[in-house]
C-alpha atoms as a PDB file:
ATOM      1  CA  UNK A   1     -11.506 -11.784  17.520  1.00  0.00           C
ATOM      2  CA  UNK A   2     -10.250 -13.351  14.301  1.00  0.00           C
ATOM      3  CA  UNK A   3      -6.503 -13.179  13.683  1.00  0.00           C
ATOM      4  CA  UNK A   4      -5.691 -11.330  10.445  1.00  0.00           C
ATOM      5  CA  UNK A   5      -9.214 -10.949   9.016  1.00  0.00           C
ATOM      6  CA  UNK A   6      -9.632 -10.770   5.243  1.00  0.00           C
ATOM      7  CA  UNK A   7      -9.167  -7.359   3.620  1.00  0.00           C
ATOM      8  CA  UNK A   8      -9.354  -7.632  -0.192  1.00  0.00           C
ATOM      9  CA  UNK A   9      -8.004  -4.467  -1.769  1.00  0.00           C
ATOM     10  CA  UNK A  10     -10.904  -4.024  -4.182  1.00  0.00           C
ATOM     11  CA  UNK A  11     -13.531  -4.420  -1.439  1.00  0.00           C
ATOM     12  CA  UNK A  12     -12.531  -1.276   0.404  1.00  0.00           C
ATOM     13  CA  UNK A  13     -10.764   0.797  -2.238  1.00  0.00           C
ATOM     14  CA  UNK A  14     -13.230   3.687  -2.129  1.00  0.00           C
ATOM     15  CA  UNK A  15     -13.278   3.744   1.674  1.00  0.00           C
ATOM     16  CA  UNK A  16      -9.487   3.411   1.767  1.00  0.00           C
ATOM     17  CA  UNK A  17      -9.047   6.373  -0.578  1.00  0.00           C
ATOM     18  CA  UNK A  18     -11.283   8.518   1.616  1.00  0.00           C
ATOM     19  CA  UNK A  19      -9.683   7.395   4.882  1.00  0.00           C
ATOM     20  CA  UNK A  20      -6.215   7.928   3.451  1.00  0.00           C
ATOM     21  CA  UNK A  21      -7.058  11.564   2.761  1.00  0.00           C
ATOM     22  CA  UNK A  22      -8.603  12.001   6.212  1.00  0.00           C
ATOM     23  CA  UNK A  23      -5.361  10.771   7.744  1.00  0.00           C
ATOM     24  CA  UNK A  24      -3.274  13.013   5.508  1.00  0.00           C
ATOM     25  CA  UNK A  25      -5.182  16.090   6.696  1.00  0.00           C
ATOM     26  CA  UNK A  26      -4.615  15.200  10.354  1.00  0.00           C
ATOM     27  CA  UNK A  27      -1.052  14.071   9.639  1.00  0.00           C
ATOM     28  CA  UNK A  28      -0.208  17.406   8.056  1.00  0.00           C
ATOM     29  CA  UNK A  29      -1.479  19.126  11.206  1.00  0.00           C
ATOM     30  CA  UNK A  30       0.831  16.857  13.205  1.00  0.00           C
ATOM     31  CA  UNK A  31       3.722  17.742  10.892  1.00  0.00           C
ATOM     32  CA  UNK A  32       3.098  21.477  11.291  1.00  0.00           C
ATOM     33  CA  UNK A  33       2.536  21.431  15.068  1.00  0.00           C
ATOM     34  CA  UNK A  34       5.280  19.113  16.355  1.00  0.00           C
ATOM     35  CA  UNK A  35       9.044  19.530  16.778  1.00  0.00           C
ATOM     36  CA  UNK A  36      10.940  17.890  13.958  1.00  0.00           C
ATOM     37  CA  UNK A  37      12.584  14.576  14.888  1.00  0.00           C
ATOM     38  CA  UNK A  38      15.267  12.626  13.067  1.00  0.00           C
ATOM     39  CA  UNK A  39      13.952  10.544  10.155  1.00  0.00           C
ATOM     40  CA  UNK A  40      10.523  12.246  10.533  1.00  0.00           C
ATOM     41  CA  UNK A  41       9.672  10.242  13.652  1.00  0.00           C
ATOM     42  CA  UNK A  42       7.502  13.131  14.856  1.00  0.00           C
ATOM     43  CA  UNK A  43       5.159  12.728  11.888  1.00  0.00           C
ATOM     44  CA  UNK A  44       3.519   9.239  11.944  1.00  0.00           C
ATOM     45  CA  UNK A  45       0.529   8.144  13.973  1.00  0.00           C
ATOM     46  CA  UNK A  46       0.663   5.694  16.842  1.00  0.00           C
ATOM     47  CA  UNK A  47      -2.020   3.132  17.633  1.00  0.00           C
ATOM     48  CA  UNK A  48      -4.364   3.327  20.596  1.00  0.00           C
ATOM     49  CA  UNK A  49      -6.872   0.901  22.068  1.00  0.00           C
ATOM     50  CA  UNK A  50      -9.543   2.545  19.894  1.00  0.00           C
ATOM     51  CA  UNK A  51      -7.780   3.736  16.764  1.00  0.00           C
ATOM     52  CA  UNK A  52      -5.008   6.200  15.907  1.00  0.00           C
ATOM     53  CA  UNK A  53      -3.482   9.181  17.684  1.00  0.00           C
ATOM     54  CA  UNK A  54      -1.259  12.079  16.733  1.00  0.00           C
ATOM     55  CA  UNK A  55       0.033  12.148  20.323  1.00  0.00           C
ATOM     56  CA  UNK A  56       0.125  15.551  22.073  1.00  0.00           C
ATOM     57  CA  UNK A  57       1.483  18.392  19.953  1.00  0.00           C
ATOM     58  CA  UNK A  58       1.832  22.159  20.165  1.00  0.00           C
ATOM     59  CA  UNK A  59       3.754  23.955  22.897  1.00  0.00           C
ATOM     60  CA  UNK A  60       3.873  23.357  26.663  1.00  0.00           C
ATOM     61  CA  UNK A  61       0.967  25.760  27.287  1.00  0.00           C
ATOM     62  CA  UNK A  62      -1.147  25.103  24.190  1.00  0.00           C
ATOM     63  CA  UNK A  63      -1.069  21.341  23.764  1.00  0.00           C
ATOM     64  CA  UNK A  64      -3.673  19.482  21.764  1.00  0.00           C
ATOM     65  CA  UNK A  65      -4.154  15.982  20.416  1.00  0.00           C
ATOM     66  CA  UNK A  66      -6.211  14.497  17.582  1.00  0.00           C
ATOM     67  CA  UNK A  67      -7.481  10.925  17.725  1.00  0.00           C
ATOM     68  CA  UNK A  68      -9.324   8.753  15.247  1.00  0.00           C
ATOM     69  CA  UNK A  69     -11.723   6.719  17.374  1.00  0.00           C
ATOM     70  CA  UNK A  70     -12.388   3.833  14.988  1.00  0.00           C
ATOM     71  CA  UNK A  71     -14.689   2.036  17.399  1.00  0.00           C
ATOM     72  CA  UNK A  72     -17.203   4.898  17.627  1.00  0.00           C
ATOM     73  CA  UNK A  73     -16.091   6.334  14.252  1.00  0.00           C
ATOM     74  CA  UNK A  74     -15.459   9.822  15.532  1.00  0.00           C
ATOM     75  CA  UNK A  75     -12.614  12.295  15.179  1.00  0.00           C
ATOM     76  CA  UNK A  76     -11.737  13.663  18.616  1.00  0.00           C
ATOM     77  CA  UNK A  77      -9.740  16.818  19.313  1.00  0.00           C
ATOM     78  CA  UNK A  78      -8.572  17.279  22.909  1.00  0.00           C
ATOM     79  CA  UNK A  79      -7.137  20.564  24.183  1.00  0.00           C
ATOM     80  CA  UNK A  80      -4.610  20.627  27.009  1.00  0.00           C
ATOM     81  CA  UNK A  81      -6.944  22.790  29.120  1.00  0.00           C
ATOM     82  CA  UNK A  82      -9.555  20.024  29.217  1.00  0.00           C
ATOM     83  CA  UNK A  83     -11.753  21.118  26.334  1.00  0.00           C
ATOM     84  CA  UNK A  84     -12.770  18.454  23.828  1.00  0.00           C
ATOM     85  CA  UNK A  85     -14.720  18.395  20.596  1.00  0.00           C
ATOM     86  CA  UNK A  86     -15.528  15.680  18.104  1.00  0.00           C
ATOM     87  CA  UNK A  87     -17.504  14.872  14.997  1.00  0.00           C
ATOM     88  CA  UNK A  88     -18.666  11.767  13.154  1.00  0.00           C
ATOM     89  CA  UNK A  89     -16.504  10.233  10.442  1.00  0.00           C
ATOM     90  CA  UNK A  90     -19.454   8.540   8.763  1.00  0.00           C
ATOM     91  CA  UNK A  91     -21.024  10.700   6.076  1.00  0.00           C
ATOM     92  CA  UNK A  92     -18.047  13.021   5.619  1.00  0.00           C
ATOM     93  CA  UNK A  93     -16.457  13.979   2.355  1.00  0.00           C
ATOM     94  CA  UNK A  94     -12.819  15.028   2.408  1.00  0.00           C
ATOM     95  CA  UNK A  95     -13.980  18.642   2.066  1.00  0.00           C
ATOM     96  CA  UNK A  96     -16.424  18.472   4.981  1.00  0.00           C
ATOM     97  CA  UNK A  97     -13.885  16.605   7.138  1.00  0.00           C
ATOM     98  CA  UNK A  98     -11.315  19.311   6.462  1.00  0.00           C
ATOM     99  CA  UNK A  99     -13.827  22.069   7.255  1.00  0.00           C
ATOM    100  CA  UNK A 100     -15.027  20.394  10.467  1.00  0.00           C
ATOM    101  CA  UNK A 101     -11.523  19.829  11.802  1.00  0.00           C
ATOM    102  CA  UNK A 102     -10.333  23.365  11.137  1.00  0.00           C
ATOM    103  CA  UNK A 103     -13.508  24.809  12.618  1.00  0.00           C
ATOM    104  CA  UNK A 104     -12.666  23.007  15.885  1.00  0.00           C
ATOM    105  CA  UNK A 105      -9.055  24.138  15.745  1.00  0.00           C
ATOM    106  CA  UNK A 106     -10.189  27.728  15.183  1.00  0.00           C
ATOM    107  CA  UNK A 107     -12.653  27.507  18.082  1.00  0.00           C
ATOM    108  CA  UNK A 108      -9.835  26.216  20.307  1.00  0.00           C
ATOM    109  CA  UNK A 109      -7.523  29.056  19.254  1.00  0.00           C
ATOM    110  CA  UNK A 110      -5.123  26.697  17.531  1.00  0.00           C
ATOM    111  CA  UNK A 111      -3.474  28.417  14.591  1.00  0.00           C
ATOM    112  CA  UNK A 112      -1.886  25.888  12.250  1.00  0.00           C
ATOM    113  CA  UNK A 113      -1.285  26.034   8.515  1.00  0.00           C
ATOM    114  CA  UNK A 114      -0.858  22.994   6.284  1.00  0.00           C
ATOM    115  CA  UNK A 115      -0.248  22.312   2.612  1.00  0.00           C
ATOM    116  CA  UNK A 116      -3.875  21.338   2.086  1.00  0.00           C
ATOM    117  CA  UNK A 117      -3.441  19.041  -0.914  1.00  0.00           C
ATOM    118  CA  UNK A 118      -2.822  15.263  -1.026  1.00  0.00           C
ATOM    119  CA  UNK A 119       0.756  14.029  -0.854  1.00  0.00           C
ATOM    120  CA  UNK A 120       1.872  11.462  -3.461  1.00  0.00           C
ATOM    121  CA  UNK A 121      -1.673  10.348  -4.322  1.00  0.00           C
ATOM    122  CA  UNK A 122      -3.344   9.962  -7.705  1.00  0.00           C
ATOM    123  CA  UNK A 123      -4.914  13.415  -7.672  1.00  0.00           C
ATOM    124  CA  UNK A 124      -4.005  16.825  -6.282  1.00  0.00           C
ATOM    125  CA  UNK A 125      -7.521  18.079  -5.569  1.00  0.00           C
ATOM    126  CA  UNK A 126      -7.278  20.474  -2.600  1.00  0.00           C
ATOM    127  CA  UNK A 127      -8.835  18.973   0.511  1.00  0.00           C
ATOM    128  CA  UNK A 128     -11.250  21.861   0.868  1.00  0.00           C
ATOM    129  CA  UNK A 129     -12.649  21.147  -2.619  1.00  0.00           C
ATOM    130  CA  UNK A 130     -12.717  17.346  -2.565  1.00  0.00           C
ATOM    131  CA  UNK A 131     -16.325  16.189  -2.444  1.00  0.00           C
ATOM    132  CA  UNK A 132     -15.598  13.154  -4.620  1.00  0.00           C
ATOM    133  CA  UNK A 133     -13.992  11.082  -1.873  1.00  0.00           C
ATOM    134  CA  UNK A 134     -16.835  10.514   0.578  1.00  0.00           C
ATOM    135  CA  UNK A 135     -17.059   6.718   1.005  1.00  0.00           C
ATOM    136  CA  UNK A 136     -16.784   5.495   4.594  1.00  0.00           C
ATOM    137  CA  UNK A 137     -17.773   1.917   5.390  1.00  0.00           C
ATOM    138  CA  UNK A 138     -17.583   1.794   9.182  1.00  0.00           C
ATOM    139  CA  UNK A 139     -17.174  -1.994   9.339  1.00  0.00           C
ATOM    140  CA  UNK A 140     -14.240  -1.927   6.915  1.00  0.00           C
ATOM    141  CA  UNK A 141     -12.556   0.982   8.684  1.00  0.00           C
ATOM    142  CA  UNK A 142     -12.869  -0.878  11.968  1.00  0.00           C
ATOM    143  CA  UNK A 143     -11.315  -3.942  10.311  1.00  0.00           C
ATOM    144  CA  UNK A 144      -8.488  -1.748   9.024  1.00  0.00           C
ATOM    145  CA  UNK A 145      -7.761  -0.734  12.619  1.00  0.00           C
ATOM    146  CA  UNK A 146      -8.007  -4.331  13.885  1.00  0.00           C
ATOM    147  CA  UNK A 147      -5.484  -5.465  11.264  1.00  0.00           C
ATOM    148  CA  UNK A 148      -3.188  -2.549  12.127  1.00  0.00           C
ATOM    149  CA  UNK A 149      -3.375  -3.479  15.810  1.00  0.00           C
ATOM    150  CA  UNK A 150      -2.618  -7.143  15.200  1.00  0.00           C
ATOM    151  CA  UNK A 151       0.235  -6.415  12.814  1.00  0.00           C
ATOM    152  CA  UNK A 152       1.644  -3.826  15.223  1.00  0.00           C
ATOM    153  CA  UNK A 153       1.737  -6.489  17.933  1.00  0.00           C
ATOM    154  CA  UNK A 154       3.764  -8.772  15.661  1.00  0.00           C
ATOM    155  CA  UNK A 155       6.107  -5.935  14.655  1.00  0.00           C
ATOM    156  CA  UNK A 156       6.654  -5.086  18.335  1.00  0.00           C
ATOM    157  CA  UNK A 157       7.693  -8.690  18.898  1.00  0.00           C
ATOM    158  CA  UNK A 158      10.047  -8.491  15.910  1.00  0.00           C
ATOM    159  CA  UNK A 159      11.487  -5.214  17.204  1.00  0.00           C
ATOM    160  CA  UNK A 160      12.311  -6.805  20.560  1.00  0.00           C
ATOM    161  CA  UNK A 161      15.146  -8.852  19.050  1.00  0.00           C
ATOM    162  CA  UNK A 162      17.214  -5.794  18.070  1.00  0.00           C
ATOM    163  CA  UNK A 163      19.074  -3.493  20.479  1.00  0.00           C
ATOM    164  CA  UNK A 164      20.474  -0.961  18.026  1.00  0.00           C
ATOM    165  CA  UNK A 165      18.864   2.284  16.948  1.00  0.00           C
ATOM    166  CA  UNK A 166      15.311   1.508  15.909  1.00  0.00           C
ATOM    167  CA  UNK A 167      12.178   3.473  15.157  1.00  0.00           C
ATOM    168  CA  UNK A 168       8.897   3.024  16.992  1.00  0.00           C
ATOM    169  CA  UNK A 169       6.259   0.887  15.324  1.00  0.00           C
ATOM    170  CA  UNK A 170       4.280   3.635  13.647  1.00  0.00           C
ATOM    171  CA  UNK A 171       1.680   4.309  10.960  1.00  0.00           C
ATOM    172  CA  UNK A 172       2.763   6.600   8.143  1.00  0.00           C
ATOM    173  CA  UNK A 173      -0.169   8.593   6.809  1.00  0.00           C
ATOM    174  CA  UNK A 174       1.535   9.594   3.556  1.00  0.00           C
ATOM    175  CA  UNK A 175       2.112   5.987   2.412  1.00  0.00           C
ATOM    176  CA  UNK A 176      -0.619   4.393   4.556  1.00  0.00           C
ATOM    177  CA  UNK A 177       1.644   1.654   5.900  1.00  0.00           C
ATOM    178  CA  UNK A 178       2.769   0.411   9.291  1.00  0.00           C
ATOM    179  CA  UNK A 179       6.527   0.144   9.744  1.00  0.00           C
ATOM    180  CA  UNK A 180       9.454  -0.378  12.092  1.00  0.00           C
ATOM    181  CA  UNK A 181      12.998   0.432  10.994  1.00  0.00           C
ATOM    182  CA  UNK A 182      16.346  -0.919  12.175  1.00  0.00           C
ATOM    183  CA  UNK A 183      19.495   1.167  11.654  1.00  0.00           C
ATOM    184  CA  UNK A 184      22.826  -0.499  10.925  1.00  0.00           C
ATOM    185  CA  UNK A 185      24.864   2.420  12.279  1.00  0.00           C
ATOM    186  CA  UNK A 186      26.267   3.594   8.939  1.00  0.00           C
ATOM    187  CA  UNK A 187      25.791   7.144   7.657  1.00  0.00           C
ATOM    188  CA  UNK A 188      24.743   7.431   4.014  1.00  0.00           C
ATOM    189  CA  UNK A 189      25.752  10.115   1.533  1.00  0.00           C
ATOM    190  CA  UNK A 190      22.402  11.203   0.091  1.00  0.00           C
ATOM    191  CA  UNK A 191      22.192  13.136  -3.154  1.00  0.00           C
ATOM    192  CA  UNK A 192      21.252  16.800  -2.632  1.00  0.00           C
ATOM    193  CA  UNK A 193      18.927  16.365  -5.604  1.00  0.00           C
ATOM    194  CA  UNK A 194      16.779  13.877  -3.675  1.00  0.00           C
ATOM    195  CA  UNK A 195      13.550  15.243  -2.221  1.00  0.00           C
ATOM    196  CA  UNK A 196      13.697  16.396   1.429  1.00  0.00           C
ATOM    197  CA  UNK A 197      11.479  13.547   2.634  1.00  0.00           C
ATOM    198  CA  UNK A 198      13.884  10.981   1.216  1.00  0.00           C
ATOM    199  CA  UNK A 199      17.019  12.822   2.349  1.00  0.00           C
ATOM    200  CA  UNK A 200      15.898  12.825   5.988  1.00  0.00           C
ATOM    201  CA  UNK A 201      14.383   9.337   5.981  1.00  0.00           C
ATOM    202  CA  UNK A 202      17.455   7.668   4.468  1.00  0.00           C
ATOM    203  CA  UNK A 203      20.378   9.676   5.820  1.00  0.00           C
ATOM    204  CA  UNK A 204      21.491   6.463   7.556  1.00  0.00           C
ATOM    205  CA  UNK A 205      21.534   2.861   6.339  1.00  0.00           C
ATOM    206  CA  UNK A 206      18.331   1.047   7.284  1.00  0.00           C
ATOM    207  CA  UNK A 207      16.649  -2.319   7.137  1.00  0.00           C
ATOM    208  CA  UNK A 208      12.939  -1.623   7.377  1.00  0.00           C
ATOM    209  CA  UNK A 209       9.956  -3.915   7.846  1.00  0.00           C
ATOM    210  CA  UNK A 210       6.257  -3.336   7.699  1.00  0.00           C
ATOM    211  CA  UNK A 211       2.814  -3.897   6.253  1.00  0.00           C
ATOM    212  CA  UNK A 212       0.772  -2.064   3.664  1.00  0.00           C
ATOM    213  CA  UNK A 213      -2.776  -2.452   2.376  1.00  0.00           C
ATOM    214  CA  UNK A 214      -2.001  -2.459  -1.348  1.00  0.00           C
ATOM    215  CA  UNK A 215      -2.011   0.076  -4.157  1.00  0.00           C
ATOM    216  CA  UNK A 216      -2.752   0.259  -7.884  1.00  0.00           C
ATOM    217  CA  UNK A 217       0.544  -1.411  -8.763  1.00  0.00           C
ATOM    218  CA  UNK A 218       0.157  -4.215  -6.198  1.00  0.00           C
ATOM    219  CA  UNK A 219      -3.565  -4.511  -5.404  1.00  0.00           C
ATOM    220  CA  UNK A 220      -3.253  -6.783  -2.368  1.00  0.00           C
ATOM    221  CA  UNK A 221      -2.135  -6.326   1.235  1.00  0.00           C
ATOM    222  CA  UNK A 222       1.305  -7.643   2.171  1.00  0.00           C
ATOM    223  CA  UNK A 223       4.144  -7.694   4.648  1.00  0.00           C
ATOM    224  CA  UNK A 224       7.394  -6.250   3.325  1.00  0.00           C
ATOM    225  CA  UNK A 225      11.038  -5.512   4.070  1.00  0.00           C
ATOM    226  CA  UNK A 226      13.718  -3.520   2.284  1.00  0.00           C
ATOM    227  CA  UNK A 227      17.306  -2.386   2.807  1.00  0.00           C
ATOM    228  CA  UNK A 228      18.220   1.188   1.896  1.00  0.00           C
ATOM    229  CA  UNK A 229      20.416   1.991   0.179  1.00  0.00           C
ATOM    230  CA  UNK A 230      20.078  -1.401  -1.450  1.00  0.00           C
ATOM    231  CA  UNK A 231      23.342  -3.357  -1.607  1.00  0.00           C
ATOM    232  CA  UNK A 232      24.215  -5.255  -4.760  1.00  0.00           C
ATOM    233  CA  UNK A 233      23.006  -8.842  -4.658  1.00  0.00           C
ATOM    234  CA  UNK A 234      20.251  -8.330  -2.082  1.00  0.00           C
ATOM    235  CA  UNK A 235      17.566  -9.729  -4.370  1.00  0.00           C
ATOM    236  CA  UNK A 236      19.541 -12.980  -4.715  1.00  0.00           C
ATOM    237  CA  UNK A 237      19.463 -13.635  -0.971  1.00  0.00           C
ATOM    238  CA  UNK A 238      17.138 -16.436   0.221  1.00  0.00           C
ATOM    239  CA  UNK A 239      13.860 -15.594   1.930  1.00  0.00           C
ATOM    240  CA  UNK A 240      11.642 -17.664   4.184  1.00  0.00           C
ATOM    241  CA  UNK A 241       9.059 -19.069   3.651  1.00  0.00           C
ATOM    242  CA  UNK A 242       9.462 -20.315   0.078  1.00  0.00           C
ATOM    243  CA  UNK A 243       6.533 -18.261  -1.201  1.00  0.00           C
ATOM    244  CA  UNK A 244       8.122 -14.968  -0.129  1.00  0.00           C
ATOM    245  CA  UNK A 245       9.658 -13.116  -3.081  1.00  0.00           C
ATOM    246  CA  UNK A 246      11.819 -10.157  -4.007  1.00  0.00           C
ATOM    247  CA  UNK A 247       9.864  -7.669  -6.127  1.00  0.00           C
ATOM    248  CA  UNK A 248      11.234  -4.702  -8.103  1.00  0.00           C
ATOM    249  CA  UNK A 249      10.135  -1.372  -6.622  1.00  0.00           C
ATOM    250  CA  UNK A 250      11.229   2.086  -7.766  1.00  0.00           C
ATOM    251  CA  UNK A 251      14.648   0.947  -8.848  1.00  0.00           C
ATOM    252  CA  UNK A 252      15.299  -1.363  -5.901  1.00  0.00           C
ATOM    253  CA  UNK A 253      13.654  -4.455  -4.380  1.00  0.00           C
ATOM    254  CA  UNK A 254      11.102  -5.289  -1.718  1.00  0.00           C
ATOM    255  CA  UNK A 255      10.945  -8.602   0.095  1.00  0.00           C
ATOM    256  CA  UNK A 256       7.209  -9.358  -0.046  1.00  0.00           C
ATOM    257  CA  UNK A 257       4.976 -11.862   1.715  1.00  0.00           C
ATOM    258  CA  UNK A 258       1.326 -11.598   0.744  1.00  0.00           C
ATOM    259  CA  UNK A 259      -1.153 -11.174   3.578  1.00  0.00           C
ATOM    260  CA  UNK A 260      -3.555 -13.785   2.217  1.00  0.00           C
ATOM    261  CA  UNK A 261      -0.749 -16.363   2.129  1.00  0.00           C
ATOM    262  CA  UNK A 262      -0.015 -15.577   5.774  1.00  0.00           C
ATOM    263  CA  UNK A 263      -3.689 -16.001   6.643  1.00  0.00           C
ATOM    264  CA  UNK A 264      -3.605 -19.510   5.132  1.00  0.00           C
ATOM    265  CA  UNK A 265      -0.470 -20.564   7.036  1.00  0.00           C
ATOM    266  CA  UNK A 266      -0.643 -23.036   9.933  1.00  0.00           C
ATOM    267  CA  UNK A 267       1.020 -20.495  12.254  1.00  0.00           C
ATOM    268  CA  UNK A 268       0.516 -16.995  10.797  1.00  0.00           C
ATOM    269  CA  UNK A 269       2.458 -15.142  13.498  1.00  0.00           C
ATOM    270  CA  UNK A 270       5.496 -17.421  13.283  1.00  0.00           C
ATOM    271  CA  UNK A 271       5.342 -17.137   9.505  1.00  0.00           C
ATOM    272  CA  UNK A 272       5.501 -13.333   9.603  1.00  0.00           C
ATOM    273  CA  UNK A 273       8.302 -13.310  12.189  1.00  0.00           C
ATOM    274  CA  UNK A 274      10.296 -15.852  10.196  1.00  0.00           C
ATOM    275  CA  UNK A 275       9.856 -13.859   7.008  1.00  0.00           C
ATOM    276  CA  UNK A 276      10.926 -10.571   8.588  1.00  0.00           C
ATOM    277  CA  UNK A 277      13.950 -12.193  10.211  1.00  0.00           C
ATOM    278  CA  UNK A 278      15.010 -13.785   6.914  1.00  0.00           C
ATOM    279  CA  UNK A 279      14.745 -10.423   5.135  1.00  0.00           C
ATOM    280  CA  UNK A 280      16.667  -8.685   7.924  1.00  0.00           C
ATOM    281  CA  UNK A 281      19.463 -11.253   7.788  1.00  0.00           C
ATOM    282  CA  UNK A 282      19.594 -10.881   4.019  1.00  0.00           C
ATOM    283  CA  UNK A 283      20.142  -7.141   4.394  1.00  0.00           C
ATOM    284  CA  UNK A 284      22.577  -7.595   7.276  1.00  0.00           C
ATOM    285  CA  UNK A 285      24.730 -10.027   5.303  1.00  0.00           C
ATOM    286  CA  UNK A 286      24.951  -7.767   2.275  1.00  0.00           C
ATOM    287  CA  UNK A 287      25.649  -4.566   4.254  1.00  0.00           C
ATOM    288  CA  UNK A 288      28.039  -6.131   6.740  1.00  0.00           C
ATOM    289  CA  UNK A 289      25.788  -5.197   9.636  1.00  0.00           C
ATOM    290  CA  UNK A 290      26.838  -6.816  12.937  1.00  0.00           C
ATOM    291  CA  UNK A 291      23.572  -8.699  13.403  1.00  0.00           C
ATOM    292  CA  UNK A 292      24.928 -10.811  16.275  1.00  0.00           C
ATOM    293  CA  UNK A 293      26.235  -7.769  18.137  1.00  0.00           C
ATOM    294  CA  UNK A 294      22.918  -5.934  17.726  1.00  0.00           C
ATOM    295  CA  UNK A 295      20.759  -8.850  18.840  1.00  0.00           C
ATOM    296  CA  UNK A 296      18.644  -8.721  21.979  1.00  0.00           C
ATOM    297  CA  UNK A 297      16.749 -11.993  21.848  1.00  0.00           C
ATOM    298  CA  UNK A 298      13.341 -11.596  23.488  1.00  0.00           C
ATOM    299  CA  UNK A 299      14.320  -8.039  24.368  1.00  0.00           C
ATOM    300  CA  UNK A 300      17.123  -9.048  26.734  1.00  0.00           C
ATOM    301  CA  UNK A 301      20.539  -7.318  26.770  1.00  0.00           C
ATOM    302  CA  UNK A 302      21.292  -8.103  30.455  1.00  0.00           C
ATOM    303  CA  UNK A 303      24.522 -10.149  30.121  1.00  0.00           C
ATOM    304  CA  UNK A 304      23.705 -12.267  33.167  1.00  0.00           C
ATOM    305  CA  UNK A 305      20.343 -13.306  31.779  1.00  0.00           C
ATOM    306  CA  UNK A 306      21.562 -13.722  28.190  1.00  0.00           C
ATOM    307  CA  UNK A 307      24.149 -16.363  29.068  1.00  0.00           C
ATOM    308  CA  UNK A 308      22.067 -18.465  31.421  1.00  0.00           C
END
């Protein structure tokens, strides 16, 4: 298996737009059918050995789970009583995907209501009416999952060096990125005028890291990091390697390392880890975060092992 295979934004834009809406439909089911967790940690997908999973949701006696099998290219719904149903992802429009999923849920006696329109995308066409988005290149979707899996492995390694409050490595369906977030321990006063997604996500000071596949503003995949709320002077902090940059983003800054530059590096994994660590230290310095006290190098906090 090739490490970090190529994924030009323009090559899979139509498939990406369709897949993004598929994941939003399933993600909204997850949102509606799971207990709310701090910072929306109940909402994202987790990776499996074959694709993406919602993890079990519903109550103790009516559990169900939805998986994207991106090896066989099927959507699989498993009921806690052993029943299972699935359908092909290839050949689906957003409308037919939505209809097929809710037909299964109805058959299984699962009553769940969602806001059945895209979240923060370029159009608000209701899912049930969207026949425009119907591109699904199976090879590219499989590559999307391979890249997610490889990046997740690197982010897990990055996460091991921090022993404070941290999120899982998880895939957000609303923004279509993979992320892990470190918390400095400081509570943040969030404006009541901010939207509820932002208020919950950033109620505490964070230094977040992740990977996204590109968008209209930045049409290329990249690794990123940001500190929120952003402290003054963050964008003047040094980053490693030299080709990493701070980029303006919605009134703040992202530390960005382009995926294609990583692919060309002599040691891509070390390059990503070095970049993420440099961005974390930049945020820690400017926020006063006790980076040394929150370190767990190689995942070790055992004082006897740490000082050997």
